Amino acid sequence: MRILYVEDNPELRETIGMLMEGEGRMVTSCACAEEALVLDAGHPFDVLVTDVSLPGMSGTDLARRLLADDPLRWVVLCSGYELGSQPGSWGPNVRTLLKPFELEELEQLLGGIHTALASVST
């Protein structure tokens, strides 16, 4: 499973990025939505995990752009504040994760996504 992780905080980007690695997951990390769009172009990632508050284009705008191309894409929006129910209406595979989150929450979420992706590809 290929994960694109977008986080502007360098310490979090490095730590969470490393923790998401393994279990059949490959993580590519970047600091902004604009870079994420370039990385995703031509060979889309299976999952987008993004902070909502980013410099320049927000994580929610990034998610909407990628979902416009693929409404079934898996997206995890990470935010320090409650996003309400709106992101759930963007597509069936959009999830939210409230910061600060426990690593077990992230692992459980990614495990479920990995299982779902594996069942689609078989």
PDB file of N, CA and C in Angstrom:
ATOM      1  N   MET A   1       0.855  -1.166   0.000  1.00  0.00           N
ATOM      2  CA  MET A   1       0.000   0.000   0.000  1.00  0.00           C
ATOM      3  C   MET A   1       0.902   1.231   0.000  1.00  0.00           C
ATOM      4  N   ARG A   2       0.675   2.112  -0.943  1.00  0.00           N
ATOM      5  CA  ARG A   2       1.465   3.341  -1.066  1.00  0.00           C
ATOM      6  C   ARG A   2       0.717   4.500  -0.398  1.00  0.00           C
ATOM      7  N   ILE A   3       1.395   5.137   0.549  1.00  0.00           N
ATOM      8  CA  ILE A   3       0.794   6.228   1.324  1.00  0.00           C
ATOM      9  C   ILE A   3       1.533   7.526   1.023  1.00  0.00           C
ATOM     10  N   LEU A   4       0.759   8.569   0.741  1.00  0.00           N
ATOM     11  CA  LEU A   4       1.305   9.918   0.610  1.00  0.00           C
ATOM     12  C   LEU A   4       0.938  10.666   1.890  1.00  0.00           C
ATOM     13  N   TYR A   5       1.960  11.067   2.657  1.00  0.00           N
ATOM     14  CA  TYR A   5       1.760  11.734   3.940  1.00  0.00           C
ATOM     15  C   TYR A   5       2.186  13.191   3.823  1.00  0.00           C
ATOM     16  N   VAL A   6       1.248  14.099   4.107  1.00  0.00           N
ATOM     17  CA  VAL A   6       1.501  15.535   3.982  1.00  0.00           C
ATOM     18  C   VAL A   6       1.383  16.176   5.367  1.00  0.00           C
ATOM     19  N   GLU A   7       2.506  16.722   5.831  1.00  0.00           N
ATOM     20  CA  GLU A   7       2.576  17.343   7.159  1.00  0.00           C
ATOM     21  C   GLU A   7       3.646  18.422   7.113  1.00  0.00           C
ATOM     22  N   ASP A   8       3.293  19.645   7.516  1.00  0.00           N
ATOM     23  CA  ASP A   8       4.260  20.734   7.447  1.00  0.00           C
ATOM     24  C   ASP A   8       5.212  20.778   8.640  1.00  0.00           C
ATOM     25  N   ASN A   9       4.874  20.123   9.736  1.00  0.00           N
ATOM     26  CA  ASN A   9       5.762  20.075  10.894  1.00  0.00           C
ATOM     27  C   ASN A   9       6.835  19.014  10.637  1.00  0.00           C
ATOM     28  N   PRO A  10       8.117  19.413  10.493  1.00  0.00           N
ATOM     29  CA  PRO A  10       9.158  18.456  10.112  1.00  0.00           C
ATOM     30  C   PRO A  10       9.340  17.301  11.095  1.00  0.00           C
ATOM     31  N   GLU A  11       9.230  17.574  12.400  1.00  0.00           N
ATOM     32  CA  GLU A  11       9.406  16.507  13.389  1.00  0.00           C
ATOM     33  C   GLU A  11       8.279  15.478  13.285  1.00  0.00           C
ATOM     34  N   LEU A  12       7.049  15.957  13.198  1.00  0.00           N
ATOM     35  CA  LEU A  12       5.910  15.042  13.039  1.00  0.00           C
ATOM     36  C   LEU A  12       6.002  14.276  11.732  1.00  0.00           C
ATOM     37  N   ARG A  13       6.366  14.975  10.665  1.00  0.00           N
ATOM     38  CA  ARG A  13       6.465  14.333   9.342  1.00  0.00           C
ATOM     39  C   ARG A  13       7.441  13.167   9.396  1.00  0.00           C
ATOM     40  N   GLU A  14       8.588  13.388  10.026  1.00  0.00           N
ATOM     41  CA  GLU A  14       9.593  12.328  10.096  1.00  0.00           C
ATOM     42  C   GLU A  14       9.139  11.189  11.012  1.00  0.00           C
ATOM     43  N   THR A  15       8.654  11.530  12.201  1.00  0.00           N
ATOM     44  CA  THR A  15       8.277  10.510  13.180  1.00  0.00           C
ATOM     45  C   THR A  15       7.083   9.682  12.719  1.00  0.00           C
ATOM     46  N   ILE A  16       5.996  10.338  12.364  1.00  0.00           N
ATOM     47  CA  ILE A  16       4.790   9.616  11.940  1.00  0.00           C
ATOM     48  C   ILE A  16       5.049   8.887  10.624  1.00  0.00           C
ATOM     49  N   GLY A  17       5.804   9.510   9.737  1.00  0.00           N
ATOM     50  CA  GLY A  17       6.144   8.859   8.468  1.00  0.00           C
ATOM     51  C   GLY A  17       6.864   7.546   8.693  1.00  0.00           C
ATOM     52  N   MET A  18       7.839   7.541   9.618  1.00  0.00           N
ATOM     53  CA  MET A  18       8.571   6.303   9.912  1.00  0.00           C
ATOM     54  C   MET A  18       7.663   5.274  10.576  1.00  0.00           C
ATOM     55  N   LEU A  19       6.782   5.731  11.460  1.00  0.00           N
ATOM     56  CA  LEU A  19       5.895   4.801  12.163  1.00  0.00           C
ATOM     57  C   LEU A  19       4.871   4.155  11.227  1.00  0.00           C
ATOM     58  N   MET A  20       4.524   4.841  10.145  1.00  0.00           N
ATOM     59  CA  MET A  20       3.566   4.265   9.193  1.00  0.00           C
ATOM     60  C   MET A  20       4.212   3.231   8.281  1.00  0.00           C
ATOM     61  N   GLU A  21       5.546   3.257   8.168  1.00  0.00           N
ATOM     62  CA  GLU A  21       6.261   2.300   7.314  1.00  0.00           C
ATOM     63  C   GLU A  21       6.094   0.882   7.842  1.00  0.00           C
ATOM     64  N   GLY A  22       6.290  -0.099   6.971  1.00  0.00           N
ATOM     65  CA  GLY A  22       6.217  -1.500   7.358  1.00  0.00           C
ATOM     66  C   GLY A  22       4.836  -2.071   7.115  1.00  0.00           C
ATOM     67  N   GLU A  23       4.644  -3.329   7.455  1.00  0.00           N
ATOM     68  CA  GLU A  23       3.350  -3.989   7.259  1.00  0.00           C
ATOM     69  C   GLU A  23       2.881  -3.864   5.814  1.00  0.00           C
ATOM     70  N   GLY A  24       3.830  -3.880   4.864  1.00  0.00           N
ATOM     71  CA  GLY A  24       3.458  -3.768   3.459  1.00  0.00           C
ATOM     72  C   GLY A  24       3.148  -2.355   3.013  1.00  0.00           C
ATOM     73  N   ARG A  25       3.524  -1.361   3.832  1.00  0.00           N
ATOM     74  CA  ARG A  25       3.240   0.034   3.508  1.00  0.00           C
ATOM     75  C   ARG A  25       4.518   0.764   3.144  1.00  0.00           C
ATOM     76  N   MET A  26       4.432   1.563   2.082  1.00  0.00           N
ATOM     77  CA  MET A  26       5.527   2.441   1.676  1.00  0.00           C
ATOM     78  C   MET A  26       5.022   3.872   1.784  1.00  0.00           C
ATOM     79  N   VAL A  27       5.762   4.704   2.498  1.00  0.00           N
ATOM     80  CA  VAL A  27       5.322   6.072   2.773  1.00  0.00           C
ATOM     81  C   VAL A  27       6.232   7.066   2.066  1.00  0.00           C
ATOM     82  N   THR A  28       5.605   7.996   1.365  1.00  0.00           N
ATOM     83  CA  THR A  28       6.302   9.145   0.796  1.00  0.00           C
ATOM     84  C   THR A  28       5.760  10.368   1.523  1.00  0.00           C
ATOM     85  N   SER A  29       6.652  11.177   2.076  1.00  0.00           N
ATOM     86  CA  SER A  29       6.243  12.339   2.867  1.00  0.00           C
ATOM     87  C   SER A  29       6.630  13.631   2.168  1.00  0.00           C
ATOM     88  N   CYS A  30       5.814  14.653   2.379  1.00  0.00           N
ATOM     89  CA  CYS A  30       6.137  15.986   1.885  1.00  0.00           C
ATOM     90  C   CYS A  30       5.521  17.025   2.812  1.00  0.00           C
ATOM     91  N   ALA A  31       5.917  18.290   2.617  1.00  0.00           N
ATOM     92  CA  ALA A  31       5.555  19.351   3.552  1.00  0.00           C
ATOM     93  C   ALA A  31       4.366  20.206   3.117  1.00  0.00           C
ATOM     94  N   CYS A  32       3.944  20.094   1.856  1.00  0.00           N
ATOM     95  CA  CYS A  32       2.859  20.971   1.405  1.00  0.00           C
ATOM     96  C   CYS A  32       1.993  20.285   0.350  1.00  0.00           C
ATOM     97  N   ALA A  33       0.791  20.809   0.185  1.00  0.00           N
ATOM     98  CA  ALA A  33      -0.172  20.239  -0.750  1.00  0.00           C
ATOM     99  C   ALA A  33       0.302  20.345  -2.195  1.00  0.00           C
ATOM    100  N   GLU A  34       0.959  21.432  -2.506  1.00  0.00           N
ATOM    101  CA  GLU A  34       1.422  21.620  -3.875  1.00  0.00           C
ATOM    102  C   GLU A  34       2.427  20.536  -4.271  1.00  0.00           C
ATOM    103  N   GLU A  35       3.336  20.207  -3.365  1.00  0.00           N
ATOM    104  CA  GLU A  35       4.298  19.132  -3.618  1.00  0.00           C
ATOM    105  C   GLU A  35       3.581  17.782  -3.711  1.00  0.00           C
ATOM    106  N   ALA A  36       2.577  17.603  -2.887  1.00  0.00           N
ATOM    107  CA  ALA A  36       1.798  16.359  -2.906  1.00  0.00           C
ATOM    108  C   ALA A  36       1.137  16.151  -4.268  1.00  0.00           C
ATOM    109  N   LEU A  37       0.602  17.207  -4.850  1.00  0.00           N
ATOM    110  CA  LEU A  37      -0.034  17.092  -6.166  1.00  0.00           C
ATOM    111  C   LEU A  37       0.971  16.643  -7.221  1.00  0.00           C
ATOM    112  N   VAL A  38       2.195  17.177  -7.146  1.00  0.00           N
ATOM    113  CA  VAL A  38       3.246  16.793  -8.092  1.00  0.00           C
ATOM    114  C   VAL A  38       3.614  15.325  -7.897  1.00  0.00           C
ATOM    115  N   LEU A  39       3.786  14.906  -6.642  1.00  0.00           N
ATOM    116  CA  LEU A  39       4.155  13.518  -6.350  1.00  0.00           C
ATOM    117  C   LEU A  39       3.069  12.532  -6.783  1.00  0.00           C
ATOM    118  N   ASP A  40       1.830  12.947  -6.670  1.00  0.00           N
ATOM    119  CA  ASP A  40       0.696  12.065  -6.973  1.00  0.00           C
ATOM    120  C   ASP A  40       0.391  11.985  -8.470  1.00  0.00           C
ATOM    121  N   ALA A  41       0.822  12.974  -9.220  1.00  0.00           N
ATOM    122  CA  ALA A  41       0.502  13.044 -10.650  1.00  0.00           C
ATOM    123  C   ALA A  41       1.089  11.843 -11.394  1.00  0.00           C
ATOM    124  N   GLY A  42       0.278  11.232 -12.214  1.00  0.00           N
ATOM    125  CA  GLY A  42       0.745  10.148 -13.074  1.00  0.00           C
ATOM    126  C   GLY A  42       0.720   8.775 -12.439  1.00  0.00           C
ATOM    127  N   HIS A  43       0.961   8.696 -11.147  1.00  0.00           N
ATOM    128  CA  HIS A  43       0.960   7.401 -10.461  1.00  0.00           C
ATOM    129  C   HIS A  43       0.365   7.615  -9.064  1.00  0.00           C
ATOM    130  N   PRO A  44      -0.971   7.710  -8.975  1.00  0.00           N
ATOM    131  CA  PRO A  44      -1.627   8.056  -7.713  1.00  0.00           C
ATOM    132  C   PRO A  44      -1.311   7.076  -6.575  1.00  0.00           C
ATOM    133  N   PHE A  45      -1.208   7.631  -5.392  1.00  0.00           N
ATOM    134  CA  PHE A  45      -1.008   6.836  -4.187  1.00  0.00           C
ATOM    135  C   PHE A  45      -2.316   6.160  -3.805  1.00  0.00           C
ATOM    136  N   ASP A  46      -2.220   5.076  -3.037  1.00  0.00           N
ATOM    137  CA  ASP A  46      -3.416   4.367  -2.573  1.00  0.00           C
ATOM    138  C   ASP A  46      -4.146   5.158  -1.505  1.00  0.00           C
ATOM    139  N   VAL A  47      -3.374   5.859  -0.676  1.00  0.00           N
ATOM    140  CA  VAL A  47      -3.939   6.566   0.474  1.00  0.00           C
ATOM    141  C   VAL A  47      -3.264   7.922   0.616  1.00  0.00           C
ATOM    142  N   LEU A  48      -4.070   8.940   0.888  1.00  0.00           N
ATOM    143  CA  LEU A  48      -3.567  10.256   1.257  1.00  0.00           C
ATOM    144  C   LEU A  48      -3.824  10.440   2.745  1.00  0.00           C
ATOM    145  N   VAL A  49      -2.765  10.694   3.515  1.00  0.00           N
ATOM    146  CA  VAL A  49      -2.886  11.066   4.924  1.00  0.00           C
ATOM    147  C   VAL A  49      -2.351  12.481   5.008  1.00  0.00           C
ATOM    148  N   THR A  50      -3.222  13.432   5.356  1.00  0.00           N
ATOM    149  CA  THR A  50      -2.790  14.829   5.329  1.00  0.00           C
ATOM    150  C   THR A  50      -3.268  15.614   6.535  1.00  0.00           C
ATOM    151  N   ASP A  51      -2.396  16.505   6.972  1.00  0.00           N
ATOM    152  CA  ASP A  51      -2.775  17.507   7.954  1.00  0.00           C
ATOM    153  C   ASP A  51      -3.750  18.447   7.249  1.00  0.00           C
ATOM    154  N   VAL A  52      -4.686  18.990   7.984  1.00  0.00           N
ATOM    155  CA  VAL A  52      -5.653  19.915   7.395  1.00  0.00           C
ATOM    156  C   VAL A  52      -5.054  21.305   7.235  1.00  0.00           C
ATOM    157  N   SER A  53      -4.325  21.758   8.255  1.00  0.00           N
ATOM    158  CA  SER A  53      -3.747  23.108   8.241  1.00  0.00           C
ATOM    159  C   SER A  53      -2.340  23.063   7.664  1.00  0.00           C
ATOM    160  N   LEU A  54      -2.229  23.470   6.419  1.00  0.00           N
ATOM    161  CA  LEU A  54      -0.941  23.491   5.719  1.00  0.00           C
ATOM    162  C   LEU A  54      -0.692  24.889   5.170  1.00  0.00           C
ATOM    163  N   PRO A  55       0.567  25.262   4.973  1.00  0.00           N
ATOM    164  CA  PRO A  55       0.830  26.549   4.313  1.00  0.00           C
ATOM    165  C   PRO A  55       0.393  26.467   2.856  1.00  0.00           C
ATOM    166  N   GLY A  56      -0.108  27.555   2.321  1.00  0.00           N
ATOM    167  CA  GLY A  56      -0.584  27.521   0.932  1.00  0.00           C
ATOM    168  C   GLY A  56      -1.920  26.796   0.867  1.00  0.00           C
ATOM    169  N   MET A  57      -2.025  25.844  -0.045  1.00  0.00           N
ATOM    170  CA  MET A  57      -3.250  25.061  -0.193  1.00  0.00           C
ATOM    171  C   MET A  57      -3.467  24.208   1.057  1.00  0.00           C
ATOM    172  N   SER A  58      -4.690  24.200   1.567  1.00  0.00           N
ATOM    173  CA  SER A  58      -4.982  23.415   2.776  1.00  0.00           C
ATOM    174  C   SER A  58      -5.084  21.923   2.454  1.00  0.00           C
ATOM    175  N   GLY A  59      -5.012  21.126   3.488  1.00  0.00           N
ATOM    176  CA  GLY A  59      -5.163  19.683   3.325  1.00  0.00           C
ATOM    177  C   GLY A  59      -6.557  19.308   2.837  1.00  0.00           C
ATOM    178  N   THR A  60      -7.569  20.074   3.249  1.00  0.00           N
ATOM    179  CA  THR A  60      -8.928  19.786   2.774  1.00  0.00           C
ATOM    180  C   THR A  60      -9.053  20.098   1.286  1.00  0.00           C
ATOM    181  N   ASP A  61      -8.434  21.187   0.828  1.00  0.00           N
ATOM    182  CA  ASP A  61      -8.460  21.501  -0.603  1.00  0.00           C
ATOM    183  C   ASP A  61      -7.693  20.451  -1.407  1.00  0.00           C
ATOM    184  N   LEU A  62      -6.565  19.992  -0.861  1.00  0.00           N
ATOM    185  CA  LEU A  62      -5.813  18.922  -1.509  1.00  0.00           C
ATOM    186  C   LEU A  62      -6.679  17.673  -1.638  1.00  0.00           C
ATOM    187  N   ALA A  63      -7.338  17.296  -0.562  1.00  0.00           N
ATOM    188  CA  ALA A  63      -8.192  16.102  -0.584  1.00  0.00           C
ATOM    189  C   ALA A  63      -9.296  16.246  -1.629  1.00  0.00           C
ATOM    190  N   ARG A  64      -9.936  17.395  -1.667  1.00  0.00           N
ATOM    191  CA  ARG A  64     -11.006  17.609  -2.652  1.00  0.00           C
ATOM    192  C   ARG A  64     -10.482  17.506  -4.075  1.00  0.00           C
ATOM    193  N   ARG A  65      -9.295  18.041  -4.330  1.00  0.00           N
ATOM    194  CA  ARG A  65      -8.707  17.955  -5.688  1.00  0.00           C
ATOM    195  C   ARG A  65      -8.451  16.514  -6.079  1.00  0.00           C
ATOM    196  N   LEU A  66      -7.869  15.737  -5.181  1.00  0.00           N
ATOM    197  CA  LEU A  66      -7.577  14.338  -5.497  1.00  0.00           C
ATOM    198  C   LEU A  66      -8.855  13.511  -5.597  1.00  0.00           C
ATOM    199  N   LEU A  67      -9.833  13.818  -4.763  1.00  0.00           N
ATOM    200  CA  LEU A  67     -11.110  13.101  -4.824  1.00  0.00           C
ATOM    201  C   LEU A  67     -11.893  13.443  -6.088  1.00  0.00           C
ATOM    202  N   ALA A  68     -11.666  14.616  -6.653  1.00  0.00           N
ATOM    203  CA  ALA A  68     -12.331  14.980  -7.909  1.00  0.00           C
ATOM    204  C   ALA A  68     -11.877  14.044  -9.031  1.00  0.00           C
ATOM    205  N   ASP A  69     -10.611  13.627  -8.983  1.00  0.00           N
ATOM    206  CA  ASP A  69     -10.078  12.692  -9.976  1.00  0.00           C
ATOM    207  C   ASP A  69     -10.466  11.253  -9.674  1.00  0.00           C
ATOM    208  N   ASP A  70     -10.573  10.910  -8.396  1.00  0.00           N
ATOM    209  CA  ASP A  70     -10.891   9.544  -7.987  1.00  0.00           C
ATOM    210  C   ASP A  70     -11.739   9.583  -6.719  1.00  0.00           C
ATOM    211  N   PRO A  71     -13.070   9.583  -6.869  1.00  0.00           N
ATOM    212  CA  PRO A  71     -13.957   9.689  -5.705  1.00  0.00           C
ATOM    213  C   PRO A  71     -13.842   8.522  -4.725  1.00  0.00           C
ATOM    214  N   LEU A  72     -13.218   7.420  -5.147  1.00  0.00           N
ATOM    215  CA  LEU A  72     -13.081   6.258  -4.264  1.00  0.00           C
ATOM    216  C   LEU A  72     -11.727   6.210  -3.558  1.00  0.00           C
ATOM    217  N   ARG A  73     -10.907   7.222  -3.766  1.00  0.00           N
ATOM    218  CA  ARG A  73      -9.584   7.270  -3.135  1.00  0.00           C
ATOM    219  C   ARG A  73      -9.734   7.298  -1.615  1.00  0.00           C
ATOM    220  N   TRP A  74      -8.788   6.649  -0.943  1.00  0.00           N
ATOM    221  CA  TRP A  74      -8.746   6.682   0.517  1.00  0.00           C
ATOM    222  C   TRP A  74      -8.044   7.947   0.975  1.00  0.00           C
ATOM    223  N   VAL A  75      -8.691   8.677   1.887  1.00  0.00           N
ATOM    224  CA  VAL A  75      -8.157   9.931   2.417  1.00  0.00           C
ATOM    225  C   VAL A  75      -8.329   9.939   3.928  1.00  0.00           C
ATOM    226  N   VAL A  76      -7.270  10.300   4.641  1.00  0.00           N
ATOM    227  CA  VAL A  76      -7.333  10.490   6.089  1.00  0.00           C
ATOM    228  C   VAL A  76      -6.945  11.933   6.369  1.00  0.00           C
ATOM    229  N   LEU A  77      -7.885  12.695   6.910  1.00  0.00           N
ATOM    230  CA  LEU A  77      -7.663  14.098   7.258  1.00  0.00           C
ATOM    231  C   LEU A  77      -7.326  14.190   8.740  1.00  0.00           C
ATOM    232  N   CYS A  78      -6.156  14.734   9.054  1.00  0.00           N
ATOM    233  CA  CYS A  78      -5.710  14.886  10.446  1.00  0.00           C
ATOM    234  C   CYS A  78      -5.869  16.353  10.841  1.00  0.00           C
ATOM    235  N   SER A  79      -6.535  16.570  11.975  1.00  0.00           N
ATOM    236  CA  SER A  79      -6.789  17.941  12.387  1.00  0.00           C
ATOM    237  C   SER A  79      -6.786  18.061  13.903  1.00  0.00           C
ATOM    238  N   GLY A  80      -6.362  19.209  14.373  1.00  0.00           N
ATOM    239  CA  GLY A  80      -6.383  19.502  15.801  1.00  0.00           C
ATOM    240  C   GLY A  80      -7.748  19.964  16.278  1.00  0.00           C
ATOM    241  N   TYR A  81      -8.698  20.113  15.363  1.00  0.00           N
ATOM    242  CA  TYR A  81     -10.052  20.513  15.742  1.00  0.00           C
ATOM    243  C   TYR A  81     -11.057  19.638  15.005  1.00  0.00           C
ATOM    244  N   GLU A  82     -12.243  19.548  15.560  1.00  0.00           N
ATOM    245  CA  GLU A  82     -13.302  18.697  15.003  1.00  0.00           C
ATOM    246  C   GLU A  82     -13.727  19.227  13.636  1.00  0.00           C
ATOM    247  N   LEU A  83     -13.770  18.348  12.652  1.00  0.00           N
ATOM    248  CA  LEU A  83     -14.148  18.746  11.291  1.00  0.00           C
ATOM    249  C   LEU A  83     -15.637  18.549  11.019  1.00  0.00           C
ATOM    250  N   GLY A  84     -16.341  17.950  11.947  1.00  0.00           N
ATOM    251  CA  GLY A  84     -17.763  17.711  11.753  1.00  0.00           C
ATOM    252  C   GLY A  84     -18.000  16.578  10.763  1.00  0.00           C
ATOM    253  N   SER A  85     -19.188  16.530  10.223  1.00  0.00           N
ATOM    254  CA  SER A  85     -19.556  15.426   9.325  1.00  0.00           C
ATOM    255  C   SER A  85     -19.291  15.742   7.857  1.00  0.00           C
ATOM    256  N   GLN A  86     -18.936  16.964   7.526  1.00  0.00           N
ATOM    257  CA  GLN A  86     -18.775  17.363   6.124  1.00  0.00           C
ATOM    258  C   GLN A  86     -17.791  16.496   5.338  1.00  0.00           C
ATOM    259  N   PRO A  87     -16.580  16.213   5.844  1.00  0.00           N
ATOM    260  CA  PRO A  87     -15.662  15.399   5.039  1.00  0.00           C
ATOM    261  C   PRO A  87     -16.231  14.040   4.647  1.00  0.00           C
ATOM    262  N   GLY A  88     -17.084  13.464   5.472  1.00  0.00           N
ATOM    263  CA  GLY A  88     -17.696  12.176   5.156  1.00  0.00           C
ATOM    264  C   GLY A  88     -18.554  12.224   3.909  1.00  0.00           C
ATOM    265  N   SER A  89     -19.031  13.407   3.551  1.00  0.00           N
ATOM    266  CA  SER A  89     -19.864  13.539   2.349  1.00  0.00           C
ATOM    267  C   SER A  89     -19.027  13.663   1.079  1.00  0.00           C
ATOM    268  N   TRP A  90     -17.710  13.761   1.217  1.00  0.00           N
ATOM    269  CA  TRP A  90     -16.834  13.926   0.051  1.00  0.00           C
ATOM    270  C   TRP A  90     -16.611  12.620  -0.686  1.00  0.00           C
ATOM    271  N   GLY A  91     -16.792  11.512  -0.006  1.00  0.00           N
ATOM    272  CA  GLY A  91     -16.579  10.211  -0.627  1.00  0.00           C
ATOM    273  C   GLY A  91     -16.666   9.120   0.417  1.00  0.00           C
ATOM    274  N   PRO A  92     -16.877   7.887  -0.029  1.00  0.00           N
ATOM    275  CA  PRO A  92     -17.072   6.780   0.916  1.00  0.00           C
ATOM    276  C   PRO A  92     -15.812   6.384   1.686  1.00  0.00           C
ATOM    277  N   ASN A  93     -14.652   6.811   1.223  1.00  0.00           N
ATOM    278  CA  ASN A  93     -13.399   6.381   1.840  1.00  0.00           C
ATOM    279  C   ASN A  93     -12.635   7.520   2.500  1.00  0.00           C
ATOM    280  N   VAL A  94     -13.364   8.530   2.948  1.00  0.00           N
ATOM    281  CA  VAL A  94     -12.748   9.672   3.632  1.00  0.00           C
ATOM    282  C   VAL A  94     -12.932   9.494   5.137  1.00  0.00           C
ATOM    283  N   ARG A  95     -11.826   9.581   5.855  1.00  0.00           N
ATOM    284  CA  ARG A  95     -11.844   9.426   7.308  1.00  0.00           C
ATOM    285  C   ARG A  95     -11.169  10.633   7.945  1.00  0.00           C
ATOM    286  N   THR A  96     -11.482  10.881   9.215  1.00  0.00           N
ATOM    287  CA  THR A  96     -10.827  11.955   9.954  1.00  0.00           C
ATOM    288  C   THR A  96     -10.141  11.365  11.185  1.00  0.00           C
ATOM    289  N   LEU A  97      -9.075  12.029  11.589  1.00  0.00           N
ATOM    290  CA  LEU A  97      -8.312  11.611  12.761  1.00  0.00           C
ATOM    291  C   LEU A  97      -8.003  12.877  13.554  1.00  0.00           C
ATOM    292  N   LEU A  98      -8.512  12.936  14.776  1.00  0.00           N
ATOM    293  CA  LEU A  98      -8.352  14.122  15.609  1.00  0.00           C
ATOM    294  C   LEU A  98      -6.993  14.109  16.297  1.00  0.00           C
ATOM    295  N   LYS A  99      -6.224  15.200  16.110  1.00  0.00           N
ATOM    296  CA  LYS A  99      -4.919  15.353  16.764  1.00  0.00           C
ATOM    297  C   LYS A  99      -5.115  15.889  18.176  1.00  0.00           C
ATOM    298  N   PRO A 100      -4.311  15.547  19.108  1.00  0.00           N
ATOM    299  CA  PRO A 100      -3.282  14.517  19.000  1.00  0.00           C
ATOM    300  C   PRO A 100      -3.940  13.143  19.034  1.00  0.00           C
ATOM    301  N   PHE A 101      -3.469  12.255  18.193  1.00  0.00           N
ATOM    302  CA  PHE A 101      -4.043  10.916  18.151  1.00  0.00           C
ATOM    303  C   PHE A 101      -3.053   9.905  18.704  1.00  0.00           C
ATOM    304  N   GLU A 102      -3.600   8.791  19.135  1.00  0.00           N
ATOM    305  CA  GLU A 102      -2.763   7.687  19.599  1.00  0.00           C
ATOM    306  C   GLU A 102      -2.276   6.920  18.373  1.00  0.00           C
ATOM    307  N   LEU A 103      -1.063   6.415  18.431  1.00  0.00           N
ATOM    308  CA  LEU A 103      -0.523   5.653  17.308  1.00  0.00           C
ATOM    309  C   LEU A 103      -1.381   4.434  16.998  1.00  0.00           C
ATOM    310  N   GLU A 104      -2.000   3.858  18.024  1.00  0.00           N
ATOM    311  CA  GLU A 104      -2.881   2.704  17.814  1.00  0.00           C
ATOM    312  C   GLU A 104      -4.073   3.079  16.936  1.00  0.00           C
ATOM    313  N   GLU A 105      -4.582   4.309  17.097  1.00  0.00           N
ATOM    314  CA  GLU A 105      -5.699   4.770  16.262  1.00  0.00           C
ATOM    315  C   GLU A 105      -5.295   4.812  14.793  1.00  0.00           C
ATOM    316  N   LEU A 106      -4.109   5.360  14.541  1.00  0.00           N
ATOM    317  CA  LEU A 106      -3.610   5.443  13.180  1.00  0.00           C
ATOM    318  C   LEU A 106      -3.372   4.043  12.611  1.00  0.00           C
ATOM    319  N   GLU A 107      -2.762   3.173  13.413  1.00  0.00           N
ATOM    320  CA  GLU A 107      -2.498   1.792  12.973  1.00  0.00           C
ATOM    321  C   GLU A 107      -3.803   1.059  12.637  1.00  0.00           C
ATOM    322  N   GLN A 108      -4.802   1.220  13.484  1.00  0.00           N
ATOM    323  CA  GLN A 108      -6.088   0.561  13.259  1.00  0.00           C
ATOM    324  C   GLN A 108      -6.733   1.076  11.967  1.00  0.00           C
ATOM    325  N   LEU A 109      -6.680   2.361  11.766  1.00  0.00           N
ATOM    326  CA  LEU A 109      -7.244   2.968  10.566  1.00  0.00           C
ATOM    327  C   LEU A 109      -6.522   2.476   9.317  1.00  0.00           C
ATOM    328  N   LEU A 110      -5.196   2.499   9.337  1.00  0.00           N
ATOM    329  CA  LEU A 110      -4.423   2.044   8.177  1.00  0.00           C
ATOM    330  C   LEU A 110      -4.599   0.549   7.939  1.00  0.00           C
ATOM    331  N   GLY A 111      -4.711  -0.227   9.013  1.00  0.00           N
ATOM    332  CA  GLY A 111      -4.957  -1.665   8.870  1.00  0.00           C
ATOM    333  C   GLY A 111      -6.276  -1.943   8.173  1.00  0.00           C
ATOM    334  N   GLY A 112      -7.311  -1.201   8.539  1.00  0.00           N
ATOM    335  CA  GLY A 112      -8.610  -1.349   7.897  1.00  0.00           C
ATOM    336  C   GLY A 112      -8.573  -0.963   6.431  1.00  0.00           C
ATOM    337  N   ILE A 113      -7.852   0.113   6.118  1.00  0.00           N
ATOM    338  CA  ILE A 113      -7.718   0.544   4.724  1.00  0.00           C
ATOM    339  C   ILE A 113      -6.957  -0.505   3.924  1.00  0.00           C
ATOM    340  N   HIS A 114      -5.879  -1.045   4.501  1.00  0.00           N
ATOM    341  CA  HIS A 114      -5.087  -2.076   3.819  1.00  0.00           C
ATOM    342  C   HIS A 114      -5.948  -3.297   3.516  1.00  0.00           C
ATOM    343  N   THR A 115      -6.759  -3.714   4.471  1.00  0.00           N
ATOM    344  CA  THR A 115      -7.657  -4.853   4.271  1.00  0.00           C
ATOM    345  C   THR A 115      -8.664  -4.560   3.164  1.00  0.00           C
ATOM    346  N   ALA A 116      -9.222  -3.364   3.179  1.00  0.00           N
ATOM    347  CA  ALA A 116     -10.201  -2.980   2.151  1.00  0.00           C
ATOM    348  C   ALA A 116      -9.570  -2.955   0.768  1.00  0.00           C
ATOM    349  N   LEU A 117      -8.377  -2.403   0.669  1.00  0.00           N
ATOM    350  CA  LEU A 117      -7.681  -2.352  -0.624  1.00  0.00           C
ATOM    351  C   LEU A 117      -7.335  -3.757  -1.112  1.00  0.00           C
ATOM    352  N   ALA A 118      -6.926  -4.625  -0.203  1.00  0.00           N
ATOM    353  CA  ALA A 118      -6.571  -5.998  -0.577  1.00  0.00           C
ATOM    354  C   ALA A 118      -7.797  -6.757  -1.081  1.00  0.00           C
ATOM    355  N   SER A 119      -8.959  -6.502  -0.482  1.00  0.00           N
ATOM    356  CA  SER A 119     -10.166  -7.216  -0.910  1.00  0.00           C
ATOM    357  C   SER A 119     -10.647  -6.741  -2.278  1.00  0.00           C
ATOM    358  N   VAL A 120     -10.364  -5.489  -2.623  1.00  0.00           N
ATOM    359  CA  VAL A 120     -10.740  -4.950  -3.927  1.00  0.00           C
ATOM    360  C   VAL A 120      -9.839  -5.508  -5.023  1.00  0.00           C
ATOM    361  N   SER A 121      -8.556  -5.686  -4.703  1.00  0.00           N
ATOM    362  CA  SER A 121      -7.592  -6.119  -5.725  1.00  0.00           C
ATOM    363  C   SER A 121      -7.594  -7.631  -5.952  1.00  0.00           C
ATOM    364  N   THR A 122      -8.323  -8.388  -5.128  1.00  0.00           N
ATOM    365  CA  THR A 122      -8.363  -9.843  -5.331  1.00  0.00           C
ATOM    366  C   THR A 122      -9.611 -10.275  -6.032  1.00  0.00           C
TER     367      THR A 122
END
